[in-house]
Amino acid sequence: MSRHTHQIEAPFRSSVRSPGSFRPLAAAGLLVGLASAPGIAFADDASTLLPAGATVETLDNGLKVVLLPIDTPGLVAVQTWMRVGSGEETVPGLTGFAHFFEHLMFHGTEEMPGPVREKKLLALSVTENAWTSQDATVYHLMLPAQNLDAVLKIEADRFQALSLEADGVRKEAGAVYGEFRKGRASPDRAVWEATWATAFSSHPYHHTTIGVEADIAAMPEQLDAARRFFTTWYRPENATLVLAGDLEPGKARAIVLRTFGQWAPEAEAPPWPPTPVEPAQTGLKRAQVVWEAGPVNPRLAIAWRTPAHAPGSADAAALSLLPALLSSDVAPLHRKLVDDERRVRWIWAMEPENRHPGLFLMEMELAEGEDPAAVEADVLAAVKALVDDDSPEAVARLDMTRERKRRELLLGLDSAESWAGAFGRASLYGPPVRTLDAEVAAIAAVTRADVVRVVERYLLPDTGRTVVTLVAPDAADPDTPPPPLGPDAPAAAGGAQ
């Protein structure tokens, strides 16, 4: 059925997969050499991750199209990856707009209003959803292969002719505000918000995807801003359309050309302020959230400034292994704090994959009464051990982690949705096939020297680290400041002018 249950990408209790939790999948048999196909032009035809018969091309209107024939009889995944997230929200007063616009995209068009669109998709047995992150907004659908023509016609219609009216903007603004209020009850969301607000002062990463409250409160009257956002960012040259599943590339391509190929936005995008460069961090940053909404276990977040993600580079590959090396079930830190001493209930770590310079972030919930400072010292000792410990056990653990990470990327390609998601994600950083291939190859080549280098460069210096704690009022440290609420310059309503 058609149902929009949108998501905001956020870090709630999603622990790193254990290196021992992999399973063999038939998808591995789909990894074949690059087939000759229209629209593919690579210097060496050496791709290893493109299914036979797949095509990759850029249409005349700038839309990037990836067609992936996958052995999923009767099913096709359709994903549209828009290269805009909260990291592009540089207009004062318009934080949270990428997520807000995700809501607005379900309002339909003059030819097919939202309720009509939903009924048609229900009749075509379509399941749809969407999510917004710091770096992208993604619309994804699953449908019977026989309905691809009809569904692409409906989907292309909203990207080309979305209806934006005052009543619809007000309605969705209310929904977003309700979502924001609900999030106030989550200590994990509060830690996430505080960490990014503390680590960044100029770049839009300083605010969460849902935005700051003052801007959300102003959304009901932001019709002009919504129209400006649509014409600026929802353009074919800023999108990648991925189709994966039971499809014949030639026929699918013809359908895409009849539908998305007609996407013709205004000749020039309205001006949008460029993304500011975050100043270099010059010292350790600390902040404390005092949780007054009820009983709570302490939380600790430690984040390190990292460069923009560059799949295929040795640094990016080494950084991608750090979450497992520090927080997986077999990591010494996890065994010590969670399994043996039970001072920490869970540890979560996020790979540094932002399109702009971002963070490698670890967050954990402590047992009742535990001292965040003591746990912080244990975490920093574990980070230092990645450099100092060259024992056979540490070398073997790195070898296992590297191989498991590579296999995770490959064996995770086990459905039409996962294939579409892998190539859509890769398109955020560059040509999707080249990017995905380079990432897998770089991970397979990570050495201990690579891990030591990135730890020494990005994690050991105090100057790039941010530490945020969340505690009950009776455990608050009066000398630790609260997190900043937003950018250095206060947001000003009416930023659409």
Protein backbone atom coordinates (compact mmCIF):
# COMPACT_ATOMS: atom_id res chain seq x y z
CA MET A 1 0.00 0.00 0.00
CA SER A 2 1.04 3.61 -0.37
CA ARG A 3 1.99 5.10 2.93
CA HIS A 4 4.27 7.97 3.87
CA THR A 5 5.92 7.36 7.23
CA HIS A 6 8.89 9.66 6.76
CA GLN A 7 12.07 9.36 8.74
CA ILE A 8 14.80 11.69 9.94
CA GLU A 9 18.20 10.09 9.95
CA ALA A 10 19.21 10.05 13.60
CA PRO A 11 21.43 8.06 15.94
CA PHE A 12 19.11 6.31 18.36
CA ARG A 13 20.41 3.11 19.95
CA SER A 14 21.55 1.66 16.60
CA SER A 15 24.68 -0.15 17.72
CA VAL A 16 27.45 -1.10 15.33
CA ARG A 17 27.04 -4.55 13.84
CA SER A 18 29.29 -7.12 15.44
CA PRO A 19 32.04 -8.50 13.20
CA GLY A 20 30.58 -11.94 13.87
CA SER A 21 27.06 -11.13 12.68
CA PHE A 22 27.43 -11.64 8.94
CA ARG A 23 25.61 -14.27 6.93
CA PRO A 24 26.14 -15.57 3.39
CA LEU A 25 23.73 -14.17 0.84
CA ALA A 26 22.92 -15.14 -2.71
CA ALA A 27 23.53 -11.55 -3.76
CA ALA A 28 27.25 -12.23 -3.87
CA GLY A 29 26.63 -14.13 -7.09
CA LEU A 30 25.42 -10.92 -8.70
CA LEU A 31 28.85 -9.29 -8.55
CA VAL A 32 29.97 -9.53 -12.15
CA GLY A 33 32.06 -7.58 -14.59
CA LEU A 34 30.88 -4.40 -16.25
CA ALA A 35 28.63 -5.07 -19.22
CA SER A 36 28.67 -2.98 -22.37
CA ALA A 37 25.60 -0.76 -22.17
CA PRO A 38 24.40 2.63 -23.44
CA GLY A 39 25.44 5.56 -21.29
CA ILE A 40 28.40 3.85 -19.61
CA ALA A 41 31.78 5.31 -20.45
CA PHE A 42 34.66 4.29 -18.22
CA ALA A 43 38.31 4.32 -19.13
CA ASP A 44 39.07 0.72 -18.21
CA ASP A 45 35.66 -1.02 -18.03
CA ALA A 46 36.87 -2.55 -14.77
CA SER A 47 33.84 -2.13 -12.52
CA THR A 48 33.19 -5.05 -10.20
CA LEU A 49 29.89 -3.97 -8.64
CA LEU A 50 27.57 -3.37 -11.58
CA PRO A 51 25.06 -6.15 -12.37
CA ALA A 52 25.10 -7.55 -15.89
CA GLY A 53 23.04 -5.40 -18.25
CA ALA A 54 22.99 -2.37 -15.96
CA THR A 55 23.15 1.14 -17.39
CA VAL A 56 24.37 4.42 -15.93
CA GLU A 57 23.85 7.70 -17.74
CA THR A 58 23.09 11.38 -17.41
CA LEU A 59 20.06 12.62 -19.36
CA ASP A 60 20.04 15.82 -21.36
CA ASN A 61 18.29 17.61 -18.47
CA GLY A 62 21.11 16.64 -16.07
CA LEU A 63 19.29 13.83 -14.25
CA LYS A 64 21.57 10.91 -13.36
CA VAL A 65 19.85 7.56 -14.01
CA VAL A 66 21.01 4.15 -12.77
CA LEU A 67 19.19 1.02 -13.99
CA LEU A 68 20.07 -2.21 -12.16
CA PRO A 69 18.56 -5.52 -13.32
CA ILE A 70 18.42 -7.68 -10.17
CA ASP A 71 16.97 -11.14 -9.69
CA THR A 72 13.91 -10.06 -7.67
CA PRO A 73 11.05 -11.55 -9.70
CA GLY A 74 8.07 -9.23 -9.99
CA LEU A 75 9.49 -6.41 -7.82
CA VAL A 76 11.22 -3.10 -8.58
CA ALA A 77 12.65 -0.50 -6.22
CA VAL A 78 12.53 3.14 -7.30
CA GLN A 79 14.62 5.69 -5.39
CA THR A 80 15.14 9.38 -6.07
CA TRP A 81 18.14 10.81 -4.25
CA MET A 82 18.08 14.60 -3.91
CA ARG A 83 21.45 16.10 -3.05
CA VAL A 84 20.08 18.44 -0.42
CA GLY A 85 19.84 18.02 3.33
CA SER A 86 20.11 20.19 6.40
CA GLY A 87 23.76 20.77 5.49
CA GLU A 88 22.57 23.12 2.72
CA GLU A 89 20.35 25.24 4.99
CA THR A 90 22.30 28.47 4.84
CA VAL A 91 19.41 30.97 4.66
CA PRO A 92 18.74 32.51 8.10
CA GLY A 93 15.35 31.43 9.41
CA LEU A 94 15.06 28.35 7.19
CA THR A 95 16.64 25.60 9.27
CA GLY A 96 14.76 22.32 8.99
CA PHE A 97 13.56 23.11 5.49
CA ALA A 98 14.98 20.05 3.76
CA HIS A 99 12.97 17.86 6.15
CA PHE A 100 9.94 20.18 5.89
CA PHE A 101 10.05 19.86 2.15
CA GLU A 102 10.08 16.09 2.39
CA HIS A 103 6.61 16.47 3.96
CA LEU A 104 5.45 18.88 1.26
CA MET A 105 6.45 16.51 -1.52
CA PHE A 106 3.46 14.29 -0.66
CA HIS A 107 0.90 17.01 -1.41
CA GLY A 108 0.54 16.08 -5.06
CA THR A 109 0.07 18.32 -8.08
CA GLU A 110 -2.73 20.20 -9.81
CA GLU A 111 -3.24 17.24 -12.13
CA MET A 112 -3.02 14.70 -9.30
CA PRO A 113 -3.71 16.10 -5.79
CA GLY A 114 -2.33 14.25 -2.80
CA PRO A 115 -5.43 12.13 -1.99
CA VAL A 116 -5.82 11.15 -5.64
CA ARG A 117 -2.15 10.27 -5.89
CA GLU A 118 -2.37 8.10 -2.79
CA LYS A 119 -5.40 6.20 -4.09
CA LYS A 120 -3.69 5.56 -7.41
CA LEU A 121 -0.55 4.25 -5.71
CA LEU A 122 -2.68 2.04 -3.46
CA ALA A 123 -4.36 0.58 -6.52
CA LEU A 124 -0.91 -0.07 -8.03
CA SER A 125 0.25 -1.90 -4.84
CA VAL A 126 3.01 0.63 -4.12
CA THR A 127 4.74 1.06 -0.76
CA GLU A 128 6.50 4.41 -0.40
CA ASN A 129 8.50 6.26 2.18
CA ALA A 130 11.08 9.04 2.48
CA TRP A 131 13.83 10.24 4.78
CA THR A 132 16.00 13.29 5.29
CA SER A 133 19.55 13.52 6.59
CA GLN A 134 22.23 16.15 6.84
CA ASP A 135 23.29 15.48 3.25
CA ALA A 136 20.33 14.12 1.27
CA THR A 137 16.59 13.73 0.92
CA VAL A 138 15.53 10.34 -0.43
CA TYR A 139 12.17 9.17 -1.78
CA HIS A 140 11.83 5.41 -2.18
CA LEU A 141 9.11 3.12 -3.47
CA MET A 142 8.61 -0.62 -3.89
CA LEU A 143 6.20 -1.78 -6.59
CA PRO A 144 5.20 -4.65 -8.85
CA ALA A 145 7.39 -4.63 -11.95
CA GLN A 146 4.33 -4.62 -14.22
CA ASN A 147 3.30 -1.22 -12.82
CA LEU A 148 6.60 0.58 -13.43
CA ASP A 149 5.30 2.72 -16.31
CA ALA A 150 2.25 3.96 -14.40
CA VAL A 151 4.20 4.60 -11.18
CA LEU A 152 7.03 6.55 -12.83
CA LYS A 153 4.47 8.77 -14.52
CA ILE A 154 2.95 9.56 -11.12
CA GLU A 155 6.32 9.99 -9.43
CA ALA A 156 7.76 12.24 -12.12
CA ASP A 157 4.67 14.44 -11.97
CA ARG A 158 5.33 15.59 -8.40
CA PHE A 159 9.00 16.36 -9.03
CA GLN A 160 8.05 18.55 -11.98
CA ALA A 161 4.75 20.15 -10.93
CA LEU A 162 4.42 19.99 -7.13
CA SER A 163 1.49 22.02 -5.77
CA LEU A 164 2.60 24.44 -3.09
CA GLU A 165 -0.32 26.27 -1.52
CA ALA A 166 -0.67 28.16 1.75
CA ASP A 167 -3.05 25.63 3.35
CA GLY A 168 -0.74 22.71 2.60
CA VAL A 169 2.29 24.55 3.97
CA ARG A 170 0.42 25.33 7.20
CA LYS A 171 -0.78 21.75 7.60
CA GLU A 172 2.65 20.21 7.21
CA ALA A 173 4.26 22.88 9.38
CA GLY A 174 1.97 21.74 12.18
CA ALA A 175 3.01 18.13 11.63
CA VAL A 176 6.68 19.09 11.79
CA TYR A 177 6.16 21.04 15.00
CA GLY A 178 4.45 18.03 16.54
CA GLU A 179 7.38 15.87 15.53
CA PHE A 180 9.78 18.36 17.08
CA ARG A 181 7.87 18.37 20.38
CA LYS A 182 7.83 14.58 20.47
CA GLY A 183 11.60 14.57 20.04
CA ARG A 184 11.98 16.72 23.15
CA ALA A 185 11.23 13.60 25.20
CA SER A 186 14.31 11.74 23.95
CA PRO A 187 17.60 12.17 25.87
CA ASP A 188 19.46 10.57 22.95
CA ARG A 189 18.11 13.19 20.56
CA ALA A 190 19.12 15.88 23.03
CA VAL A 191 22.70 14.56 23.13
CA TRP A 192 22.85 14.34 19.33
CA GLU A 193 21.59 17.92 18.98
CA ALA A 194 23.94 19.25 21.63
CA THR A 195 26.98 17.53 20.14
CA TRP A 196 26.59 19.03 16.67
CA ALA A 197 25.62 22.45 18.04
CA THR A 198 28.74 22.46 20.22
CA ALA A 199 31.12 21.16 17.54
CA PHE A 200 29.99 23.55 14.79
CA SER A 201 29.52 27.31 15.00
CA SER A 202 29.21 28.37 11.34
CA HIS A 203 28.41 25.38 9.13
CA PRO A 204 24.74 24.27 8.94
CA TYR A 205 25.68 21.02 10.64
CA HIS A 206 25.30 23.04 13.84
CA HIS A 207 21.54 22.37 13.77
CA THR A 208 19.69 19.08 13.51
CA THR A 209 17.77 17.94 10.47
CA ILE A 210 14.44 18.91 11.99
CA GLY A 211 15.68 22.49 12.58
CA VAL A 212 15.62 24.95 15.47
CA GLU A 213 12.33 25.67 17.21
CA ALA A 214 12.03 29.34 16.22
CA ASP A 215 12.28 28.42 12.54
CA ILE A 216 9.80 25.55 12.90
CA ALA A 217 7.34 27.90 14.59
CA ALA A 218 7.63 30.25 11.59
CA MET A 219 7.06 27.54 8.96
CA PRO A 220 3.25 28.01 8.61
CA GLU A 221 3.79 31.33 6.84
CA GLN A 222 6.76 30.27 4.71
CA LEU A 223 4.97 29.58 1.41
CA ASP A 224 7.31 31.86 -0.55
CA ALA A 225 10.33 30.19 1.05
CA ALA A 226 8.95 26.77 0.11
CA ARG A 227 8.57 27.79 -3.51
CA ARG A 228 12.08 29.19 -3.54
CA PHE A 229 13.45 25.98 -2.00
CA PHE A 230 11.70 23.85 -4.61
CA THR A 231 12.98 25.78 -7.60
CA THR A 232 16.49 25.98 -6.11
CA TRP A 233 17.09 22.38 -5.09
CA TYR A 234 14.48 20.16 -6.75
CA ARG A 235 16.13 20.20 -10.13
CA PRO A 236 17.12 17.22 -12.31
CA GLU A 237 20.82 18.08 -12.20
CA ASN A 238 20.65 17.76 -8.40
CA ALA A 239 19.01 14.31 -8.46
CA THR A 240 19.85 10.66 -9.07
CA LEU A 241 17.08 8.24 -10.05
CA VAL A 242 17.84 4.59 -9.32
CA LEU A 243 15.71 1.66 -10.49
CA ALA A 244 16.66 -1.80 -9.28
CA GLY A 245 14.95 -5.16 -9.61
CA ASP A 246 12.97 -7.08 -12.21
CA LEU A 247 13.43 -4.77 -15.17
CA GLU A 248 14.68 -4.82 -18.73
CA PRO A 249 17.06 -1.84 -19.03
CA GLY A 250 16.02 -0.84 -22.55
CA LYS A 251 12.32 -0.74 -21.71
CA ALA A 252 12.96 0.91 -18.33
CA ARG A 253 15.10 3.56 -19.98
CA ALA A 254 12.32 4.37 -22.45
CA ILE A 255 9.88 4.82 -19.56
CA VAL A 256 12.33 7.09 -17.73
CA LEU A 257 12.78 9.23 -20.83
CA ARG A 258 8.99 9.61 -21.23
CA THR A 259 8.55 10.63 -17.60
CA PHE A 260 11.58 11.99 -15.78
CA GLY A 261 13.22 12.91 -19.09
CA GLN A 262 10.64 15.70 -19.43
CA TRP A 263 11.72 17.31 -16.14
CA ALA A 264 12.65 20.83 -17.21
CA PRO A 265 13.05 23.34 -14.36
CA GLU A 266 13.70 27.05 -14.66
CA ALA A 267 16.82 27.85 -16.66
CA GLU A 268 18.65 29.15 -13.59
CA ALA A 269 18.29 28.28 -9.94
CA PRO A 270 17.47 31.18 -7.60
CA PRO A 271 20.54 32.36 -5.68
CA TRP A 272 21.26 30.54 -2.44
CA PRO A 273 23.94 31.52 0.09
CA PRO A 274 27.01 29.30 -0.21
CA THR A 275 27.80 26.86 2.57
CA PRO A 276 30.25 28.49 4.98
CA VAL A 277 33.50 26.75 5.83
CA GLU A 278 33.65 25.80 9.49
CA PRO A 279 36.69 27.40 11.16
CA ALA A 280 39.40 25.06 12.39
CA GLN A 281 38.76 23.94 15.93
CA THR A 282 41.43 25.30 18.25
CA GLY A 283 40.71 23.48 21.49
CA LEU A 284 38.69 20.88 23.32
CA LYS A 285 34.97 21.76 23.47
CA ARG A 286 32.68 20.66 26.29
CA ALA A 287 28.99 21.05 26.96
CA GLN A 288 26.50 19.61 29.44
CA VAL A 289 22.80 18.89 29.02
CA VAL A 290 20.93 18.92 32.33
CA TRP A 291 17.94 16.60 31.84
CA GLU A 292 14.93 17.77 33.81
CA ALA A 293 12.24 15.71 32.07
CA GLY A 294 12.40 12.79 34.49
CA PRO A 295 14.77 10.06 35.70
CA VAL A 296 17.60 9.38 33.30
CA ASN A 297 20.84 7.46 33.10
CA PRO A 298 23.88 9.60 32.22
CA ARG A 299 24.85 9.92 28.57
CA LEU A 300 28.29 10.60 27.11
CA ALA A 301 29.11 11.66 23.57
CA ILE A 302 32.64 12.11 22.25
CA ALA A 303 33.11 13.48 18.74
CA TRP A 304 36.17 14.21 16.63
CA ARG A 305 36.32 16.53 13.63
CA THR A 306 36.92 14.61 10.39
CA PRO A 307 37.28 15.60 6.73
CA ALA A 308 34.54 15.36 4.13
CA HIS A 309 33.95 11.73 3.20
CA ALA A 310 35.98 10.73 0.14
CA PRO A 311 35.12 7.10 -0.76
CA GLY A 312 38.15 5.33 -2.17
CA SER A 313 40.72 7.29 -0.18
CA ALA A 314 42.92 5.51 2.34
CA ASP A 315 41.87 7.89 5.13
CA ALA A 316 38.13 7.39 4.51
CA ALA A 317 38.55 3.62 4.45
CA ALA A 318 40.53 3.60 7.71
CA LEU A 319 38.06 5.94 9.40
CA SER A 320 35.19 3.67 8.37
CA LEU A 321 36.70 0.85 10.47
CA LEU A 322 36.89 2.86 13.69
CA PRO A 323 33.28 2.28 14.83
CA ALA A 324 33.78 -1.49 14.83
CA LEU A 325 37.31 -1.29 16.26
CA LEU A 326 36.05 0.76 19.21
CA SER A 327 32.45 -0.28 19.84
CA SER A 328 31.59 -3.65 18.31
CA ASP A 329 30.93 -6.61 20.59
CA VAL A 330 34.51 -7.88 20.18
CA ALA A 331 36.20 -4.50 20.72
CA PRO A 332 38.21 -4.33 23.98
CA LEU A 333 36.38 -1.14 25.00
CA HIS A 334 32.97 -2.77 24.62
CA ARG A 335 34.08 -5.89 26.47
CA LYS A 336 35.47 -3.82 29.34
CA LEU A 337 32.69 -1.26 29.82
CA VAL A 338 29.59 -3.19 28.72
CA ASP A 339 30.30 -6.90 29.19
CA ASP A 340 32.72 -7.14 32.11
CA GLU A 341 32.32 -4.05 34.29
CA ARG A 342 28.72 -3.20 33.25
CA ARG A 343 29.40 0.51 33.69
CA VAL A 344 27.94 1.27 30.27
CA ARG A 345 24.64 -0.08 28.94
CA TRP A 346 25.37 0.41 25.24
CA ILE A 347 27.86 2.06 22.90
CA TRP A 348 26.95 3.43 19.51
CA ALA A 349 29.40 4.82 16.93
CA MET A 350 28.75 6.63 13.64
CA GLU A 351 30.94 6.36 10.58
CA PRO A 352 32.13 9.78 9.36
CA GLU A 353 30.35 9.90 5.98
CA ASN A 354 29.30 13.55 5.65
CA ARG A 355 29.67 15.34 2.32
CA HIS A 356 31.17 18.29 4.19
CA PRO A 357 33.78 18.01 6.96
CA GLY A 358 31.91 16.38 9.81
CA LEU A 359 32.35 14.18 12.86
CA PHE A 360 33.30 10.72 13.98
CA LEU A 361 30.91 10.32 16.88
CA MET A 362 30.60 7.85 19.76
CA GLU A 363 27.63 7.96 22.10
CA MET A 364 26.88 5.76 25.10
CA GLU A 365 24.39 5.34 27.91
CA LEU A 366 26.04 4.84 31.28
CA ALA A 367 24.74 2.74 34.13
CA GLU A 368 22.96 4.61 36.89
CA GLY A 369 25.37 6.66 39.00
CA GLU A 370 28.39 6.19 36.74
CA ASP A 371 30.80 9.10 36.31
CA PRO A 372 31.02 10.32 32.70
CA ALA A 373 34.55 11.59 33.28
CA ALA A 374 35.80 8.13 34.21
CA VAL A 375 34.18 6.55 31.16
CA GLU A 376 35.59 9.31 28.95
CA ALA A 377 39.08 8.43 30.19
CA ASP A 378 38.51 4.78 29.26
CA VAL A 379 37.36 5.75 25.76
CA LEU A 380 40.42 7.92 25.19
CA ALA A 381 42.66 5.11 26.43
CA ALA A 382 41.04 2.75 23.92
CA VAL A 383 41.64 5.28 21.15
CA LYS A 384 45.29 5.57 22.16
CA ALA A 385 45.59 1.77 22.17
CA LEU A 386 44.74 1.73 18.46
CA VAL A 387 48.13 3.37 17.97
CA ASP A 388 50.15 1.73 20.73
CA ASP A 389 48.89 -1.85 20.70
CA ASP A 390 50.62 -3.80 17.92
CA SER A 391 50.13 -7.19 19.57
CA PRO A 392 49.17 -10.21 17.44
CA GLU A 393 45.66 -10.02 18.92
CA ALA A 394 45.23 -6.38 17.86
CA VAL A 395 46.58 -7.08 14.37
CA ALA A 396 44.22 -10.05 14.00
CA ARG A 397 41.28 -7.95 15.18
CA LEU A 398 42.05 -5.31 12.56
CA ASP A 399 42.35 -7.95 9.84
CA MET A 400 39.00 -9.44 10.82
CA THR A 401 37.31 -6.03 11.03
CA ARG A 402 38.62 -5.00 7.62
CA GLU A 403 37.42 -8.20 5.95
CA ARG A 404 34.06 -8.13 7.71
CA LYS A 405 33.51 -4.51 6.67
CA ARG A 406 34.25 -5.33 3.03
CA ARG A 407 31.99 -8.36 3.14
CA GLU A 408 29.26 -6.34 4.83
CA LEU A 409 29.21 -3.92 1.92
CA LEU A 410 29.03 -6.72 -0.64
CA LEU A 411 26.73 -9.16 1.13
CA GLY A 412 24.39 -6.36 2.12
CA LEU A 413 23.37 -6.18 -1.54
CA ASP A 414 20.62 -8.71 -0.98
CA SER A 415 17.50 -6.96 -2.28
CA ALA A 416 16.33 -4.49 -4.88
CA GLU A 417 16.13 -1.83 -2.17
CA SER A 418 19.69 -2.41 -0.96
CA TRP A 419 21.10 -2.25 -4.50
CA ALA A 420 19.24 0.98 -5.19
CA GLY A 421 20.33 2.43 -1.85
CA ALA A 422 23.98 1.55 -2.38
CA PHE A 423 24.17 3.27 -5.75
CA GLY A 424 22.03 6.20 -4.63
CA ARG A 425 24.28 6.80 -1.62
CA ALA A 426 27.38 6.54 -3.80
CA SER A 427 25.96 9.22 -6.11
CA LEU A 428 26.22 11.76 -3.28
CA TYR A 429 30.01 11.68 -3.59
CA GLY A 430 30.66 11.19 -7.31
CA PRO A 431 29.93 8.84 -10.21
CA PRO A 432 28.07 6.04 -8.39
CA VAL A 433 29.78 3.02 -9.94
CA ARG A 434 33.27 4.41 -9.61
CA THR A 435 32.54 5.57 -6.06
CA LEU A 436 31.19 2.25 -4.83
CA ASP A 437 33.97 0.24 -6.46
CA ALA A 438 36.64 2.55 -5.06
CA GLU A 439 35.17 2.34 -1.56
CA VAL A 440 35.20 -1.46 -1.49
CA ALA A 441 38.74 -1.61 -2.90
CA ALA A 442 40.04 0.94 -0.41
CA ILE A 443 38.55 -0.89 2.57
CA ALA A 444 40.14 -4.15 1.42
CA ALA A 445 43.53 -2.39 1.34
CA VAL A 446 43.48 -0.77 4.81
CA THR A 447 46.66 -1.43 6.79
CA ARG A 448 47.53 -0.90 10.41
CA ALA A 449 49.63 2.07 9.33
CA ASP A 450 46.48 3.63 7.82
CA VAL A 451 44.56 3.23 11.08
CA VAL A 452 47.45 4.63 13.12
CA ARG A 453 47.70 7.60 10.76
CA VAL A 454 44.03 8.63 10.97
CA VAL A 455 43.89 8.12 14.74
CA GLU A 456 46.99 10.27 15.24
CA ARG A 457 45.75 12.91 12.80
CA TYR A 458 42.08 13.20 13.80
CA LEU A 459 41.45 11.55 17.18
CA LEU A 460 44.45 12.09 19.42
CA PRO A 461 44.74 15.90 19.32
CA ASP A 462 42.50 17.63 21.86
CA THR A 463 41.95 20.45 19.39
CA GLY A 464 39.51 18.45 17.28
CA ARG A 465 37.47 16.85 20.04
CA THR A 466 34.02 17.71 21.44
CA VAL A 467 32.63 16.09 24.60
CA VAL A 468 28.97 16.35 25.62
CA THR A 469 27.37 14.86 28.72
CA LEU A 470 23.73 14.51 29.74
CA VAL A 471 23.06 14.24 33.46
CA ALA A 472 20.29 14.60 36.01
CA PRO A 473 20.10 17.95 37.84
CA ASP A 474 21.66 16.55 41.03
CA ALA A 475 24.74 15.41 39.07
CA ALA A 476 25.27 18.61 37.09
CA ASP A 477 28.73 20.20 37.00
CA PRO A 478 28.35 23.98 37.49
CA ASP A 479 31.61 24.59 35.61
CA THR A 480 30.51 22.87 32.37
CA PRO A 481 28.52 25.17 30.04
CA PRO A 482 25.26 24.25 28.34
CA PRO A 483 25.37 23.65 24.58
CA PRO A 484 24.76 26.56 22.23
CA LEU A 485 21.26 26.60 20.77
CA GLY A 486 22.26 27.32 17.21
CA PRO A 487 24.65 29.25 15.00
CA ASP A 488 26.70 32.20 16.21
CA ALA A 489 24.39 34.55 14.37
CA PRO A 490 20.80 34.12 15.68
CA ALA A 491 18.35 32.91 13.04
CA ALA A 492 16.10 35.65 11.71
CA ALA A 493 12.57 34.82 10.61
CA GLY A 494 11.54 35.74 7.11
CA GLY A 495 14.77 34.58 5.52
CA ALA A 496 13.04 33.88 2.22
CA GLN A 497 13.17 37.50 1.12
